[in-house]
């Protein structure tokens, strides 16, 4: 439980960053099952695949972290992912990293 609350379990993903398969910041990857399902239900869902997935992202620091129990939750996450892609900057990435660390230190209610 402590590992999920503090996101320590995400650390192995940095290996994927070092290999070039992921970025530190970007849309969080979804399971293939979710991609197949939500691409049929949510307009522009696949736009998020135009960039490398990230360990953390705009959607995660703006309240769309964790399990998506309803379609509206996933729609909000996708809106956030697309907003991030359209507004990307180095400074935005630094802000997202800062917010991710702050959320990990203070705890995040949507963490598993």
N, C-alpha and C. Protein backbone atom coordinates (compact mmCIF):
# COMPACT_ATOMS: atom_id res chain seq x y z
N UNK A 1 0.83 -1.19 0.00
CA UNK A 1 0.00 0.00 0.00
C UNK A 1 0.87 1.26 0.00
N UNK A 2 1.94 1.23 0.78
CA UNK A 2 2.85 2.38 0.84
C UNK A 2 3.52 2.59 -0.51
N UNK A 3 3.88 1.50 -1.17
CA UNK A 3 4.53 1.62 -2.49
C UNK A 3 3.61 2.32 -3.48
N UNK A 4 2.31 2.01 -3.49
CA UNK A 4 1.37 2.64 -4.42
C UNK A 4 1.14 4.10 -4.04
N UNK A 5 0.99 4.37 -2.75
CA UNK A 5 0.72 5.74 -2.30
C UNK A 5 1.88 6.67 -2.63
N UNK A 6 3.12 6.17 -2.56
CA UNK A 6 4.29 6.99 -2.83
C UNK A 6 4.80 6.85 -4.26
N UNK A 7 4.17 5.97 -5.04
CA UNK A 7 4.54 5.72 -6.44
C UNK A 7 5.93 5.13 -6.62
N UNK A 8 6.49 4.54 -5.59
CA UNK A 8 7.81 3.91 -5.69
C UNK A 8 7.78 2.79 -6.74
N UNK A 9 6.62 2.17 -6.91
CA UNK A 9 6.51 1.08 -7.87
C UNK A 9 6.69 1.55 -9.31
N UNK A 10 6.68 2.86 -9.54
CA UNK A 10 6.88 3.41 -10.89
C UNK A 10 8.36 3.50 -11.27
N UNK A 11 9.25 3.42 -10.30
CA UNK A 11 10.69 3.60 -10.56
C UNK A 11 11.26 2.68 -11.65
N UNK A 12 10.86 1.41 -11.74
CA UNK A 12 11.41 0.56 -12.81
C UNK A 12 11.10 1.09 -14.22
N UNK A 13 10.09 1.94 -14.34
CA UNK A 13 9.77 2.49 -15.65
C UNK A 13 10.89 3.40 -16.18
N UNK A 14 11.75 3.88 -15.31
CA UNK A 14 12.87 4.70 -15.76
C UNK A 14 13.81 3.91 -16.67
N UNK A 15 13.80 2.59 -16.55
CA UNK A 15 14.57 1.76 -17.48
C UNK A 15 14.05 1.96 -18.89
N UNK A 16 12.71 2.03 -19.02
CA UNK A 16 12.10 2.29 -20.33
C UNK A 16 12.46 3.67 -20.87
N UNK A 17 12.61 4.64 -19.96
CA UNK A 17 13.04 5.99 -20.37
C UNK A 17 14.47 5.93 -20.90
N UNK A 18 15.34 5.26 -20.17
CA UNK A 18 16.74 5.14 -20.59
C UNK A 18 16.88 4.40 -21.92
N UNK A 19 15.98 3.44 -22.17
CA UNK A 19 16.02 2.70 -23.44
C UNK A 19 15.39 3.50 -24.58
N UNK A 20 14.73 4.61 -24.25
CA UNK A 20 14.12 5.44 -25.28
C UNK A 20 12.70 5.06 -25.65
N UNK A 21 12.11 4.12 -24.90
CA UNK A 21 10.75 3.68 -25.19
C UNK A 21 9.69 4.56 -24.54
N UNK A 22 10.09 5.29 -23.50
CA UNK A 22 9.17 6.17 -22.78
C UNK A 22 9.86 7.50 -22.53
N UNK A 23 9.05 8.47 -22.15
CA UNK A 23 9.54 9.77 -21.73
C UNK A 23 9.22 9.90 -20.24
N UNK A 24 9.87 10.83 -19.56
CA UNK A 24 9.52 11.07 -18.17
C UNK A 24 8.11 11.66 -18.11
N UNK A 25 7.81 12.61 -19.01
CA UNK A 25 6.49 13.24 -19.05
C UNK A 25 5.84 12.95 -20.39
N UNK A 26 4.58 12.60 -20.33
CA UNK A 26 3.79 12.32 -21.53
C UNK A 26 2.52 11.60 -21.13
N UNK A 27 1.65 11.31 -22.05
CA UNK A 27 0.44 10.56 -21.70
C UNK A 27 0.80 9.19 -21.13
N UNK A 28 0.17 8.83 -20.02
CA UNK A 28 0.42 7.52 -19.42
C UNK A 28 -0.06 6.43 -20.37
N UNK A 29 0.71 5.36 -20.53
CA UNK A 29 0.26 4.28 -21.41
C UNK A 29 -0.93 3.54 -20.80
N UNK A 30 -1.81 3.08 -21.67
CA UNK A 30 -2.94 2.28 -21.24
C UNK A 30 -2.74 0.84 -21.69
N UNK A 31 -3.47 -0.06 -21.07
CA UNK A 31 -3.44 -1.45 -21.51
C UNK A 31 -4.01 -1.53 -22.92
N UNK A 32 -3.53 -2.49 -23.71
CA UNK A 32 -4.01 -2.65 -25.07
C UNK A 32 -5.53 -2.83 -25.11
N UNK A 33 -6.06 -3.53 -24.13
CA UNK A 33 -7.51 -3.73 -24.03
C UNK A 33 -8.23 -2.39 -23.93
N UNK A 34 -7.70 -1.48 -23.12
CA UNK A 34 -8.31 -0.16 -22.98
C UNK A 34 -8.20 0.65 -24.26
N UNK A 35 -7.06 0.56 -24.93
CA UNK A 35 -6.88 1.28 -26.18
C UNK A 35 -7.91 0.82 -27.21
N UNK A 36 -8.08 -0.48 -27.30
CA UNK A 36 -9.05 -1.03 -28.25
C UNK A 36 -10.47 -0.57 -27.91
N UNK A 37 -10.81 -0.63 -26.65
CA UNK A 37 -12.16 -0.27 -26.21
C UNK A 37 -12.43 1.23 -26.34
N UNK A 38 -11.55 2.04 -25.77
CA UNK A 38 -11.80 3.48 -25.72
C UNK A 38 -11.60 4.19 -27.05
N UNK A 39 -10.80 3.61 -27.94
CA UNK A 39 -10.63 4.24 -29.25
C UNK A 39 -11.94 4.25 -30.04
N UNK A 40 -12.83 3.33 -29.70
CA UNK A 40 -14.14 3.27 -30.35
C UNK A 40 -15.16 4.20 -29.69
N UNK A 41 -14.91 4.57 -28.44
CA UNK A 41 -15.87 5.35 -27.66
C UNK A 41 -15.54 6.83 -27.53
N UNK A 42 -14.24 7.16 -27.62
CA UNK A 42 -13.82 8.54 -27.35
C UNK A 42 -13.19 9.13 -28.60
N UNK A 43 -13.77 10.23 -29.05
CA UNK A 43 -13.25 10.95 -30.21
C UNK A 43 -11.82 11.41 -29.94
N UNK A 44 -10.94 11.25 -30.89
CA UNK A 44 -9.53 11.67 -30.83
C UNK A 44 -8.71 10.89 -29.81
N UNK A 45 -9.19 9.76 -29.36
CA UNK A 45 -8.45 8.95 -28.40
C UNK A 45 -7.04 8.63 -28.89
N UNK A 46 -6.89 8.28 -30.15
CA UNK A 46 -5.61 7.84 -30.67
C UNK A 46 -4.59 8.96 -30.84
N UNK A 47 -5.01 10.22 -30.72
CA UNK A 47 -4.07 11.35 -30.81
C UNK A 47 -2.98 11.22 -29.76
N UNK A 48 -3.32 10.68 -28.62
CA UNK A 48 -2.35 10.54 -27.53
C UNK A 48 -1.18 9.64 -27.90
N UNK A 49 -1.33 8.84 -28.96
CA UNK A 49 -0.27 7.94 -29.39
C UNK A 49 0.73 8.61 -30.34
N UNK A 50 0.56 9.90 -30.60
CA UNK A 50 1.48 10.62 -31.47
C UNK A 50 2.79 10.97 -30.77
N UNK A 51 2.81 10.85 -29.45
CA UNK A 51 4.01 11.13 -28.67
C UNK A 51 4.35 9.91 -27.81
N UNK A 52 5.56 9.88 -27.30
CA UNK A 52 5.96 8.77 -26.42
C UNK A 52 5.15 8.82 -25.13
N UNK A 53 4.80 7.65 -24.60
CA UNK A 53 4.13 7.64 -23.31
C UNK A 53 5.09 8.09 -22.22
N UNK A 54 4.53 8.55 -21.12
CA UNK A 54 5.35 9.05 -20.03
C UNK A 54 5.07 8.37 -18.71
N UNK A 55 5.99 8.54 -17.79
CA UNK A 55 5.82 8.01 -16.44
C UNK A 55 4.77 8.84 -15.70
N UNK A 56 4.75 10.12 -15.98
CA UNK A 56 3.75 11.02 -15.42
C UNK A 56 3.27 11.93 -16.53
N UNK A 57 2.16 12.60 -16.28
CA UNK A 57 1.62 13.47 -17.31
C UNK A 57 0.67 14.50 -16.76
N UNK A 58 0.22 15.39 -17.65
CA UNK A 58 -0.68 16.47 -17.27
C UNK A 58 -1.97 15.91 -16.64
N UNK A 59 -2.52 14.89 -17.24
CA UNK A 59 -3.76 14.33 -16.70
C UNK A 59 -3.57 13.82 -15.28
N UNK A 60 -2.42 13.23 -15.00
CA UNK A 60 -2.18 12.67 -13.68
C UNK A 60 -2.06 13.76 -12.61
N UNK A 61 -1.49 14.90 -12.95
CA UNK A 61 -1.32 15.96 -11.94
C UNK A 61 -2.53 16.89 -11.87
N UNK A 62 -3.50 16.68 -12.74
CA UNK A 62 -4.71 17.52 -12.71
C UNK A 62 -5.95 16.71 -12.34
N UNK A 63 -5.76 15.59 -11.66
CA UNK A 63 -6.88 14.87 -11.08
C UNK A 63 -7.36 13.62 -11.79
N UNK A 64 -6.69 13.22 -12.87
CA UNK A 64 -7.12 12.02 -13.59
C UNK A 64 -6.12 10.89 -13.44
N UNK A 65 -5.68 10.68 -12.22
CA UNK A 65 -4.75 9.60 -11.92
C UNK A 65 -5.53 8.42 -11.35
N UNK A 66 -5.07 7.23 -11.62
CA UNK A 66 -5.70 6.06 -11.03
C UNK A 66 -6.74 5.43 -11.94
N UNK A 67 -7.56 4.64 -11.34
CA UNK A 67 -8.56 3.88 -12.07
C UNK A 67 -9.63 4.80 -12.65
N UNK A 68 -10.05 4.49 -13.86
CA UNK A 68 -11.14 5.23 -14.49
C UNK A 68 -12.39 4.34 -14.42
N UNK A 69 -13.27 4.68 -13.51
CA UNK A 69 -14.45 3.84 -13.27
C UNK A 69 -15.58 4.16 -14.24
N UNK A 70 -15.60 5.37 -14.77
CA UNK A 70 -16.66 5.77 -15.68
C UNK A 70 -16.06 6.34 -16.95
N UNK A 71 -16.81 6.30 -18.03
CA UNK A 71 -16.34 6.81 -19.31
C UNK A 71 -15.92 8.28 -19.21
N UNK A 72 -16.64 9.07 -18.43
CA UNK A 72 -16.32 10.50 -18.30
C UNK A 72 -14.92 10.70 -17.69
N UNK A 73 -14.48 9.77 -16.84
CA UNK A 73 -13.14 9.85 -16.26
C UNK A 73 -12.08 9.69 -17.35
N UNK A 74 -12.29 8.70 -18.21
CA UNK A 74 -11.34 8.48 -19.30
C UNK A 74 -11.40 9.63 -20.30
N UNK A 75 -12.58 10.16 -20.56
CA UNK A 75 -12.69 11.31 -21.46
C UNK A 75 -11.91 12.49 -20.91
N UNK A 76 -11.98 12.72 -19.61
CA UNK A 76 -11.20 13.80 -18.99
C UNK A 76 -9.71 13.56 -19.12
N UNK A 77 -9.29 12.33 -18.93
CA UNK A 77 -7.87 11.99 -19.08
C UNK A 77 -7.40 12.25 -20.51
N UNK A 78 -8.21 11.85 -21.48
CA UNK A 78 -7.82 12.04 -22.88
C UNK A 78 -7.78 13.52 -23.23
N UNK A 79 -8.74 14.29 -22.74
CA UNK A 79 -8.70 15.76 -22.95
C UNK A 79 -7.40 16.34 -22.41
N UNK A 80 -7.01 15.88 -21.21
CA UNK A 80 -5.76 16.36 -20.61
C UNK A 80 -4.54 15.95 -21.42
N UNK A 81 -4.54 14.72 -21.92
CA UNK A 81 -3.41 14.25 -22.74
C UNK A 81 -3.29 15.08 -24.02
N UNK A 82 -4.41 15.36 -24.66
CA UNK A 82 -4.38 16.15 -25.90
C UNK A 82 -3.98 17.59 -25.60
N UNK A 83 -4.47 18.14 -24.48
CA UNK A 83 -4.07 19.50 -24.10
C UNK A 83 -2.55 19.55 -23.92
N UNK A 84 -2.00 18.55 -23.24
CA UNK A 84 -0.55 18.51 -23.03
C UNK A 84 0.20 18.49 -24.36
N UNK A 85 -0.23 17.65 -25.27
CA UNK A 85 0.44 17.55 -26.57
C UNK A 85 0.40 18.89 -27.30
N UNK A 86 -0.74 19.57 -27.25
CA UNK A 86 -0.90 20.85 -27.95
C UNK A 86 -0.15 22.00 -27.28
N UNK A 87 0.13 21.90 -25.98
CA UNK A 87 0.77 22.99 -25.24
C UNK A 87 2.15 22.64 -24.72
N UNK A 88 2.75 21.57 -25.24
CA UNK A 88 4.02 21.11 -24.72
C UNK A 88 5.07 22.21 -24.69
N UNK A 89 5.83 22.24 -23.61
CA UNK A 89 7.03 23.08 -23.51
C UNK A 89 7.92 22.44 -22.44
N UNK A 90 9.17 22.82 -22.48
CA UNK A 90 10.12 22.35 -21.48
C UNK A 90 9.64 22.75 -20.08
N UNK A 91 9.15 24.00 -19.96
CA UNK A 91 8.70 24.51 -18.67
C UNK A 91 7.46 23.77 -18.18
N UNK A 92 6.58 23.40 -19.08
CA UNK A 92 5.41 22.61 -18.69
C UNK A 92 5.85 21.25 -18.15
N UNK A 93 6.82 20.63 -18.81
CA UNK A 93 7.35 19.35 -18.31
C UNK A 93 7.93 19.51 -16.90
N UNK A 94 8.69 20.58 -16.68
CA UNK A 94 9.25 20.81 -15.34
C UNK A 94 8.15 20.99 -14.30
N UNK A 95 7.09 21.72 -14.67
CA UNK A 95 5.97 21.93 -13.76
C UNK A 95 5.29 20.60 -13.44
N UNK A 96 5.09 19.76 -14.44
CA UNK A 96 4.45 18.46 -14.23
C UNK A 96 5.32 17.58 -13.33
N UNK A 97 6.62 17.61 -13.53
CA UNK A 97 7.53 16.84 -12.67
C UNK A 97 7.44 17.35 -11.23
N UNK A 98 7.44 18.68 -11.08
CA UNK A 98 7.30 19.28 -9.74
C UNK A 98 6.00 18.83 -9.07
N UNK A 99 4.87 18.92 -9.81
CA UNK A 99 3.57 18.53 -9.26
C UNK A 99 3.54 17.04 -8.92
N UNK A 100 4.19 16.22 -9.73
CA UNK A 100 4.24 14.77 -9.47
C UNK A 100 4.97 14.50 -8.16
N UNK A 101 6.11 15.14 -7.97
CA UNK A 101 6.88 14.96 -6.73
C UNK A 101 6.08 15.48 -5.53
N UNK A 102 5.46 16.65 -5.68
CA UNK A 102 4.66 17.21 -4.59
C UNK A 102 3.51 16.28 -4.23
N UNK A 103 2.84 15.71 -5.22
CA UNK A 103 1.74 14.78 -4.96
C UNK A 103 2.25 13.53 -4.25
N UNK A 104 3.43 13.05 -4.63
CA UNK A 104 3.99 11.85 -4.01
C UNK A 104 4.34 12.13 -2.54
N UNK A 105 4.86 13.31 -2.27
CA UNK A 105 5.25 13.67 -0.90
C UNK A 105 4.02 13.87 -0.02
N UNK A 106 3.01 14.54 -0.56
CA UNK A 106 1.83 14.87 0.24
C UNK A 106 0.73 13.82 0.17
N UNK A 107 0.92 12.84 -0.68
CA UNK A 107 -0.11 11.80 -0.85
C UNK A 107 -1.11 12.22 -1.90
N UNK A 108 -1.64 11.24 -2.58
CA UNK A 108 -2.59 11.49 -3.69
C UNK A 108 -3.80 10.61 -3.45
N UNK A 109 -4.98 11.23 -3.36
CA UNK A 109 -6.18 10.45 -3.05
C UNK A 109 -6.54 9.45 -4.15
N UNK A 110 -6.14 9.72 -5.42
CA UNK A 110 -6.49 8.82 -6.50
C UNK A 110 -5.47 7.72 -6.73
N UNK A 111 -4.41 7.70 -5.92
CA UNK A 111 -3.43 6.61 -6.08
C UNK A 111 -4.08 5.31 -5.63
N UNK A 112 -3.67 4.22 -6.26
CA UNK A 112 -4.25 2.91 -5.93
C UNK A 112 -3.90 2.53 -4.51
